[in-house]
């Protein structure tokens, strides 16, 4: 209500201001005329005084006249009171008497026009519904094909995108042994624990059917490293497979490990750290060490060879920090030291220092140089074995 009264006052101010120059205050030009109960002529004089005071006020100054403020507030209050006293006028809607019958007649005519086409519209609705279903089926089939093709090509991020487009949180792609590597990447990227577990189970079946040692190893390494509480038996699965790799290595069968070291160095690094970590109280058998030395020599990078040799020597270190002193280990260690002599002599690899330290632990007063020279002097190796015995 205050806003409406203020608006009235503002309109009056603007209307009256246009006429201020024509008002003669000595004679009332508007006798009997009032604004909100106030005489019009005095009101116009007050407005003219307000405007003159504003025009004479310097810029950036606040020129406030208390009398002018009081005059304005009184005028606004009187207009507000007067507005409240005036009753609100209501305009009742007038509806002609013949409107409702006309509306009813029009509705009846519309119903009569629609009734003959009702059955045809129902048939048309079924046809359109079936066409829409067919289109969505084709789209779904196409999305599945794109999902499989992107997954097989190794574009894992796009495969994830198309799997979500299918609206299925647990998609089951066509799994072939040739695509196991891509499927492992896809399974690793799945955000939901349940769908990730189901994907690993699907890969496990394919790997077991393919009977491919490399795929089995890749699968067990990935499963051992993924964080998924619903997967289960991850550690046991890896330990069982690791024991199989150790048996194969002892039997001079290490092609799988060398292939993984060459093609998948990150997974091999995980295996390399654990391959020679045997249970407490056990150590590699001396008869298997020549095969292990051959395996280490076949690894593709110097860093892999050095780290594998260091891990092997650590498994042969006894409680007092020295290498095992049993004579049957002398020749295998000499073969390993001789094969890695060039790597241990260079300053290029930091792992070479660790390996030299492992060899240099006293074994009957011998050092790493002793082991390296045994193969160049086979009689020394035989003599050392005989003395040790």
Protein backbone atom coordinates (compact mmCIF):
# COMPACT_ATOMS: atom_id res chain seq x y z
CA UNK A 1 0.00 0.00 0.00
CA UNK A 2 2.89 2.38 0.79
CA UNK A 3 4.29 1.79 -2.64
CA UNK A 4 1.00 2.68 -4.31
CA UNK A 5 0.70 5.86 -2.24
CA UNK A 6 4.26 6.84 -3.05
CA UNK A 7 3.58 6.22 -6.70
CA UNK A 8 0.52 8.50 -6.53
CA UNK A 9 2.56 11.22 -4.90
CA UNK A 10 5.30 10.86 -7.51
CA UNK A 11 2.82 11.12 -10.38
CA UNK A 12 1.30 14.17 -8.81
CA UNK A 13 4.72 15.74 -8.36
CA UNK A 14 5.63 15.21 -11.98
CA UNK A 15 2.26 16.47 -13.23
CA UNK A 16 2.28 19.50 -11.07
CA UNK A 17 5.88 20.40 -11.77
CA UNK A 18 5.08 21.04 -15.39
CA UNK A 19 2.62 23.73 -14.34
CA UNK A 20 4.68 25.45 -11.62
CA UNK A 21 5.81 28.33 -13.81
CA UNK A 22 2.15 29.22 -14.52
CA UNK A 23 0.93 29.33 -10.90
CA UNK A 24 0.22 32.66 -9.28
CA UNK A 25 0.28 32.18 -5.54
CA UNK A 26 -1.66 35.37 -4.82
CA UNK A 27 -4.81 34.03 -6.46
CA UNK A 28 -5.92 30.42 -6.08
CA UNK A 29 -6.20 29.18 -9.67
CA UNK A 30 -7.72 25.89 -8.54
CA UNK A 31 -10.37 26.71 -5.94
CA UNK A 32 -12.02 23.68 -4.42
CA UNK A 33 -9.53 21.22 -5.88
CA UNK A 34 -7.71 18.88 -3.51
CA UNK A 35 -5.08 16.15 -3.56
CA UNK A 36 -5.52 13.50 -0.85
CA UNK A 37 -7.53 16.06 1.19
CA UNK A 38 -4.96 18.84 0.78
CA UNK A 39 -5.59 22.03 -1.18
CA UNK A 40 -4.05 21.80 -4.63
CA UNK A 41 -2.50 25.29 -4.77
CA UNK A 42 -0.53 25.05 -1.48
CA UNK A 43 0.60 21.60 -2.51
CA UNK A 44 1.96 22.93 -5.79
CA UNK A 45 3.78 25.69 -3.94
CA UNK A 46 5.39 23.16 -1.64
CA UNK A 47 6.51 21.08 -4.61
CA UNK A 48 8.02 24.13 -6.28
CA UNK A 49 9.97 24.91 -3.10
CA UNK A 50 11.29 21.33 -2.94
CA UNK A 51 12.52 21.49 -6.51
CA UNK A 52 14.20 24.89 -6.07
CA UNK A 53 16.01 23.62 -2.98
CA UNK A 54 17.28 20.62 -4.94
CA UNK A 55 18.46 22.75 -7.85
CA UNK A 56 20.35 25.09 -5.52
CA UNK A 57 22.10 22.23 -3.70
CA UNK A 58 25.81 21.92 -4.72
CA UNK A 59 27.01 18.67 -6.28
CA UNK A 60 28.17 15.91 -3.93
CA UNK A 61 26.36 17.56 -1.01
CA UNK A 62 23.42 16.31 1.00
CA UNK A 63 20.99 19.24 1.26
CA UNK A 64 18.15 18.14 3.50
CA UNK A 65 15.39 20.54 4.57
CA UNK A 66 13.48 19.17 7.54
CA UNK A 67 10.39 21.20 6.69
CA UNK A 68 10.31 19.78 3.16
CA UNK A 69 10.73 16.26 4.51
CA UNK A 70 7.87 16.81 6.97
CA UNK A 71 5.60 18.19 4.20
CA UNK A 72 6.32 15.19 1.97
CA UNK A 73 5.78 12.64 4.76
CA UNK A 74 2.45 14.25 5.74
CA UNK A 75 1.25 14.23 2.15
CA UNK A 76 2.25 10.58 1.71
CA UNK A 77 0.53 9.56 4.98
CA UNK A 78 -2.71 11.34 4.04
CA UNK A 79 -2.73 9.65 0.63
CA UNK A 80 -2.13 6.25 2.29
CA UNK A 81 -4.99 6.75 4.77
CA UNK A 82 -7.33 7.92 2.04
CA UNK A 83 -6.51 4.89 -0.12
CA UNK A 84 -7.34 2.53 2.74
CA UNK A 85 -10.73 4.16 3.30
CA UNK A 86 -11.82 3.73 -0.30
CA UNK A 87 -13.56 0.36 -0.80
CA UNK A 88 -12.08 -1.98 -3.41
CA UNK A 89 -14.28 -2.32 -6.46
CA UNK A 90 -14.92 -5.80 -7.70
CA UNK A 91 -15.89 -6.55 -11.24
CA UNK A 92 -17.92 -9.70 -11.43
CA UNK A 93 -17.46 -11.81 -14.48
CA UNK A 94 -20.51 -11.78 -16.63
CA UNK A 95 -21.13 -15.01 -18.48
CA UNK A 96 -23.73 -14.95 -21.20
CA UNK A 97 -26.44 -17.50 -20.67
CA UNK A 98 -25.99 -19.16 -24.05
CA UNK A 99 -22.19 -19.83 -23.69
CA UNK A 100 -22.42 -23.16 -21.82
CA UNK A 101 -24.87 -24.75 -24.24
CA UNK A 102 -22.61 -23.74 -27.12
CA UNK A 103 -19.58 -25.30 -25.44
CA UNK A 104 -21.49 -28.52 -24.80
CA UNK A 105 -22.66 -28.67 -28.40
CA UNK A 106 -19.09 -28.15 -29.67
CA UNK A 107 -17.76 -30.95 -27.43
CA UNK A 108 -20.44 -33.34 -28.66
CA UNK A 109 -19.57 -32.55 -32.27
CA UNK A 110 -15.86 -33.11 -31.57
CA UNK A 111 -16.62 -36.46 -29.93
CA UNK A 112 -18.71 -37.52 -32.90
CA UNK A 113 -15.84 -36.67 -35.25
CA UNK A 114 -13.27 -38.58 -33.17
CA UNK A 115 -15.24 -41.78 -32.55
CA UNK A 116 -14.93 -43.30 -36.06
CA UNK A 117 -11.13 -42.86 -36.03
CA UNK A 118 -10.56 -44.31 -32.53
CA UNK A 119 -9.80 -47.85 -33.77
CA UNK A 120 -7.54 -46.61 -36.54
CA UNK A 121 -5.59 -44.45 -34.11
CA UNK A 122 -5.07 -47.44 -31.82
CA UNK A 123 -3.67 -49.47 -34.74
CA UNK A 124 -1.43 -46.56 -35.74
CA UNK A 125 -0.15 -46.29 -32.19
CA UNK A 126 0.83 -49.97 -32.17
CA UNK A 127 2.62 -49.65 -35.51
CA UNK A 128 4.59 -46.60 -34.36
CA UNK A 129 5.42 -48.27 -31.05
CA UNK A 130 6.80 -51.34 -32.83
CA UNK A 131 8.83 -49.17 -35.19
CA UNK A 132 10.32 -47.29 -32.25
CA UNK A 133 11.16 -50.58 -30.54
CA UNK A 134 12.85 -51.85 -33.70
CA UNK A 135 14.90 -48.67 -33.99
CA UNK A 136 16.05 -48.87 -30.38
CA UNK A 137 16.95 -52.52 -30.86
CA UNK A 138 19.09 -51.64 -33.86
CA UNK A 139 20.72 -48.80 -31.90
CA UNK A 140 21.44 -51.15 -29.00
CA UNK A 141 22.96 -53.73 -31.34
CA UNK A 142 25.10 -51.06 -32.99
CA UNK A 143 26.28 -49.77 -29.61
CA UNK A 144 27.23 -53.31 -28.60
CA UNK A 145 29.26 -53.77 -31.80
CA UNK A 146 31.01 -50.44 -31.29
CA UNK A 147 31.69 -51.34 -27.64
CA UNK A 148 33.29 -54.65 -28.64
CA UNK A 149 35.34 -53.12 -31.44
CA UNK A 150 36.68 -50.25 -29.32
CA UNK A 151 37.51 -52.66 -26.52
CA UNK A 152 39.31 -55.03 -28.86
CA UNK A 153 41.34 -52.14 -30.29
CA UNK A 154 42.53 -51.10 -26.84
CA UNK A 155 40.59 -47.81 -26.67
CA UNK A 156 39.54 -48.43 -23.09
CA UNK A 157 38.18 -44.95 -22.30
CA UNK A 158 35.87 -45.01 -25.31
CA UNK A 159 34.84 -48.56 -24.49
CA UNK A 160 33.84 -47.36 -21.02
CA UNK A 161 31.80 -44.59 -22.64
CA UNK A 162 29.91 -46.99 -24.91
CA UNK A 163 29.31 -49.43 -22.06
CA UNK A 164 27.56 -46.63 -20.16
CA UNK A 165 25.56 -45.73 -23.27
CA UNK A 166 24.21 -49.27 -23.26
CA UNK A 167 22.71 -48.47 -19.88
CA UNK A 168 24.20 -51.60 -18.40
CA UNK A 169 26.49 -51.33 -15.39
CA UNK A 170 27.66 -54.90 -15.91
CA UNK A 171 28.25 -55.38 -19.67
CA UNK A 172 29.44 -58.77 -20.84
CA UNK A 173 31.64 -58.30 -23.91
CA UNK A 174 32.69 -61.04 -26.28
CA UNK A 175 35.90 -62.34 -24.74
CA UNK A 176 38.60 -63.95 -26.83
CA UNK A 177 42.11 -64.93 -25.69
CA UNK A 178 43.56 -62.42 -28.14
CA UNK A 179 41.76 -59.60 -26.29
CA UNK A 180 42.63 -60.59 -22.72
CA UNK A 181 45.18 -57.79 -22.37
CA UNK A 182 42.62 -55.15 -23.38
CA UNK A 183 39.99 -56.75 -21.16
CA UNK A 184 42.33 -56.62 -18.19
CA UNK A 185 42.76 -52.87 -18.72
CA UNK A 186 38.99 -52.51 -19.03
CA UNK A 187 38.34 -54.53 -15.87
CA UNK A 188 40.91 -52.47 -13.98
CA UNK A 189 39.08 -49.25 -14.97
CA UNK A 190 35.58 -50.41 -13.96
CA UNK A 191 34.29 -48.21 -11.11
CA UNK A 192 31.87 -50.66 -9.47
CA UNK A 193 33.25 -53.50 -7.35
CA UNK A 194 30.56 -55.99 -8.39
CA UNK A 195 30.88 -55.41 -12.13
CA UNK A 196 34.67 -55.47 -11.81
CA UNK A 197 34.52 -58.83 -10.01
CA UNK A 198 32.19 -60.25 -12.68
CA UNK A 199 34.53 -59.07 -15.43
CA UNK A 200 37.55 -60.69 -13.78
CA UNK A 201 35.59 -63.93 -13.40
CA UNK A 202 34.77 -63.82 -17.10
CA UNK A 203 38.43 -63.23 -17.99
CA UNK A 204 39.48 -66.07 -15.67
CA UNK A 205 37.32 -68.55 -17.58
CA UNK A 206 38.81 -67.50 -20.90
CA UNK A 207 42.36 -67.65 -19.54
CA UNK A 208 41.85 -71.12 -18.09
CA UNK A 209 40.34 -72.34 -21.36
CA UNK A 210 43.19 -70.86 -23.41
CA UNK A 211 45.83 -72.54 -21.21
CA UNK A 212 48.25 -69.71 -21.98
CA UNK A 213 50.84 -69.27 -19.16
CA UNK A 214 51.52 -65.66 -20.05
CA UNK A 215 47.82 -64.71 -19.93
CA UNK A 216 47.41 -66.60 -16.66
CA UNK A 217 50.33 -64.69 -15.17
CA UNK A 218 49.04 -61.31 -16.33
CA UNK A 219 45.62 -62.12 -14.92
CA UNK A 220 46.91 -63.19 -11.49
CA UNK A 221 49.20 -60.14 -11.20
CA UNK A 222 46.34 -57.76 -12.00
CA UNK A 223 43.93 -59.47 -9.63
CA UNK A 224 46.55 -59.40 -6.87
CA UNK A 225 46.98 -55.63 -7.23
CA UNK A 226 43.40 -54.44 -7.63
CA UNK A 227 41.63 -53.06 -4.57
CA UNK A 228 38.24 -54.78 -4.50
CA UNK A 229 36.78 -56.16 -1.25
CA UNK A 230 34.25 -58.37 -3.06
CA UNK A 231 36.82 -60.10 -5.27
CA UNK A 232 38.12 -62.57 -2.69
CA UNK A 233 41.06 -65.06 -2.68
CA UNK A 234 43.35 -62.57 -4.42
CA UNK A 235 46.45 -63.34 -2.35
CA UNK A 236 45.96 -67.11 -2.47
CA UNK A 237 45.46 -67.05 -6.23
CA UNK A 238 48.69 -65.12 -6.74
CA UNK A 239 50.73 -67.26 -4.32
CA UNK A 240 49.62 -70.47 -6.04
CA UNK A 241 50.59 -69.13 -9.44
CA UNK A 242 53.88 -67.76 -8.12
CA UNK A 243 54.76 -71.24 -6.86
CA UNK A 244 54.07 -72.59 -10.36
CA UNK A 245 56.46 -70.02 -11.84
CA UNK A 246 59.16 -71.06 -9.35
CA UNK A 247 58.78 -74.73 -10.26
CA UNK A 248 59.03 -73.89 -13.95
CA UNK A 249 62.11 -71.76 -13.30
CA UNK A 250 63.77 -74.60 -11.39
CA UNK A 251 63.05 -76.84 -14.38
CA UNK A 252 64.78 -74.36 -16.71
CA UNK A 253 61.42 -73.19 -18.15
CA UNK A 254 61.29 -69.43 -17.92
CA UNK A 255 60.06 -68.25 -21.32
CA UNK A 256 56.89 -66.82 -19.78
CA UNK A 257 58.83 -64.68 -17.33
CA UNK A 258 61.20 -63.38 -20.00
CA UNK A 259 58.28 -62.53 -22.29
CA UNK A 260 56.50 -60.63 -19.53
CA UNK A 261 59.74 -58.82 -18.66
CA UNK A 262 60.06 -57.69 -22.27
CA UNK A 263 56.41 -56.83 -23.01
CA UNK A 264 55.05 -55.91 -19.58
CA UNK A 265 57.92 -54.55 -17.47
CA UNK A 266 55.66 -53.11 -14.74
CA UNK A 267 54.03 -56.47 -14.09
CA UNK A 268 57.42 -58.18 -14.17
CA UNK A 269 58.74 -55.74 -11.58
CA UNK A 270 55.96 -56.90 -9.26
CA UNK A 271 56.89 -60.54 -9.91
CA UNK A 272 60.62 -59.86 -9.61
CA UNK A 273 60.20 -58.53 -6.08
CA UNK A 274 58.45 -61.73 -4.95
CA UNK A 275 59.87 -64.52 -7.11
CA UNK A 276 62.78 -65.28 -4.75
CA UNK A 277 61.04 -64.42 -1.47
CA UNK A 278 60.68 -67.93 -0.09
CA UNK A 279 59.02 -68.92 3.18
CA UNK A 280 61.12 -68.54 6.34
CA UNK A 281 63.66 -71.32 6.79
CA UNK A 282 63.82 -72.20 3.10
CA UNK A 283 66.22 -71.20 0.34
CA UNK A 284 66.66 -71.96 -3.36
CA UNK A 285 68.20 -75.36 -4.01
CA UNK A 286 71.78 -75.24 -5.24
CA UNK A 287 70.97 -77.53 -8.17
CA UNK A 288 68.44 -75.00 -9.53
CA UNK A 289 70.73 -71.97 -9.36
CA UNK A 290 72.40 -72.54 -12.77
CA UNK A 291 68.92 -72.37 -14.33
CA UNK A 292 68.18 -69.23 -12.36
CA UNK A 293 71.45 -67.70 -13.55
CA UNK A 294 70.49 -68.53 -17.14
CA UNK A 295 67.11 -66.89 -16.59
CA UNK A 296 68.66 -63.73 -15.18
CA UNK A 297 71.01 -63.54 -18.14
CA UNK A 298 68.03 -63.65 -20.54
CA UNK A 299 66.21 -60.67 -19.03
CA UNK A 300 66.01 -57.83 -21.56
CA UNK A 301 67.21 -54.88 -19.46
CA UNK A 302 70.21 -54.40 -17.23
CA UNK A 303 68.07 -53.03 -14.42
CA UNK A 304 65.91 -56.18 -14.46
CA UNK A 305 68.99 -58.42 -14.38
CA UNK A 306 70.58 -56.54 -11.51
CA UNK A 307 67.42 -56.47 -9.42
CA UNK A 308 66.70 -60.15 -10.05
CA UNK A 309 70.26 -61.12 -9.04
CA UNK A 310 70.04 -58.95 -5.91
CA UNK A 311 66.73 -60.58 -4.93
CA UNK A 312 68.28 -64.05 -5.47
CA UNK A 313 71.30 -63.26 -3.29
CA UNK A 314 68.99 -61.87 -0.61
CA UNK A 315 67.24 -65.25 -0.49
CA UNK A 316 70.67 -66.86 0.04
CA UNK A 317 71.66 -64.50 2.87
CA UNK A 318 71.59 -66.05 6.33
CA UNK A 319 70.70 -64.41 9.62
CA UNK A 320 74.12 -62.90 10.25
CA UNK A 321 73.98 -61.00 6.95
CA UNK A 322 76.44 -63.19 5.03
CA UNK A 323 75.89 -65.39 1.99
CA UNK A 324 75.26 -69.04 2.61
CA UNK A 325 78.55 -70.91 2.97
CA UNK A 326 77.48 -74.37 1.76
CA UNK A 327 79.97 -75.56 -0.91
CA UNK A 328 77.33 -76.59 -3.44
CA UNK A 329 76.41 -72.91 -3.89
CA UNK A 330 79.91 -71.76 -4.82
CA UNK A 331 79.85 -72.65 -8.51
CA UNK A 332 76.29 -71.29 -9.20
CA UNK A 333 77.20 -68.02 -7.50
CA UNK A 334 80.42 -67.86 -9.50
CA UNK A 335 78.44 -68.34 -12.71
CA UNK A 336 76.07 -65.55 -11.73
CA UNK A 337 78.91 -63.19 -10.76
CA UNK A 338 80.81 -63.92 -13.95
CA UNK A 339 77.72 -63.31 -16.12
CA UNK A 340 77.03 -59.96 -14.50
CA UNK A 341 80.64 -58.78 -14.25
CA UNK A 342 80.23 -56.04 -16.86
CA UNK A 343 77.15 -54.60 -15.18
CA UNK A 344 78.78 -54.57 -11.75
CA UNK A 345 81.83 -52.75 -13.09
CA UNK A 346 79.88 -49.80 -14.44
CA UNK A 347 78.67 -46.76 -12.54
CA UNK A 348 75.67 -46.40 -14.81
CA UNK A 349 73.25 -48.45 -12.71
CA UNK A 350 72.54 -47.75 -9.05
CA UNK A 351 71.38 -51.32 -8.54
CA UNK A 352 74.95 -52.50 -9.31
CA UNK A 353 76.12 -51.17 -5.94
CA UNK A 354 73.50 -53.23 -4.10
CA UNK A 355 74.51 -56.34 -6.01
CA UNK A 356 78.24 -55.84 -5.28
CA UNK A 357 77.40 -55.42 -1.60
CA UNK A 358 75.49 -58.70 -1.60
CA UNK A 359 78.39 -60.57 -3.24
CA UNK A 360 80.99 -58.99 -1.01
CA UNK A 361 79.64 -60.46 2.21
CA UNK A 362 82.36 -62.83 3.49
CA UNK A 363 82.09 -66.47 2.49
CA UNK A 364 85.17 -68.18 3.85
CA UNK A 365 87.06 -64.88 3.56
CA UNK A 366 86.25 -64.54 -0.16
CA UNK A 367 84.83 -61.42 -1.93
CA UNK A 368 82.96 -60.67 -5.13
CA UNK A 369 86.26 -60.72 -7.09
CA UNK A 370 86.79 -64.27 -5.96
CA UNK A 371 83.46 -65.43 -7.41
CA UNK A 372 84.05 -63.60 -10.66
CA UNK A 373 87.42 -65.28 -11.19
CA UNK A 374 86.24 -68.84 -10.54
CA UNK A 375 84.91 -69.46 -14.04
CA UNK A 376 88.09 -68.15 -15.64
CA UNK A 377 89.98 -70.67 -13.43
CA UNK A 378 87.79 -73.80 -13.11
CA UNK A 379 90.40 -75.61 -10.96
CA UNK A 380 90.02 -72.90 -8.33
CA UNK A 381 86.31 -73.58 -8.15
CA UNK A 382 86.93 -77.31 -7.75
CA UNK A 383 89.57 -76.69 -5.13
CA UNK A 384 87.36 -74.34 -3.17
CA UNK A 385 84.54 -76.87 -3.19
CA UNK A 386 86.88 -79.59 -1.96
CA UNK A 387 88.27 -77.48 0.85
CA UNK A 388 84.82 -76.38 1.92
CA UNK A 389 83.73 -79.97 2.10
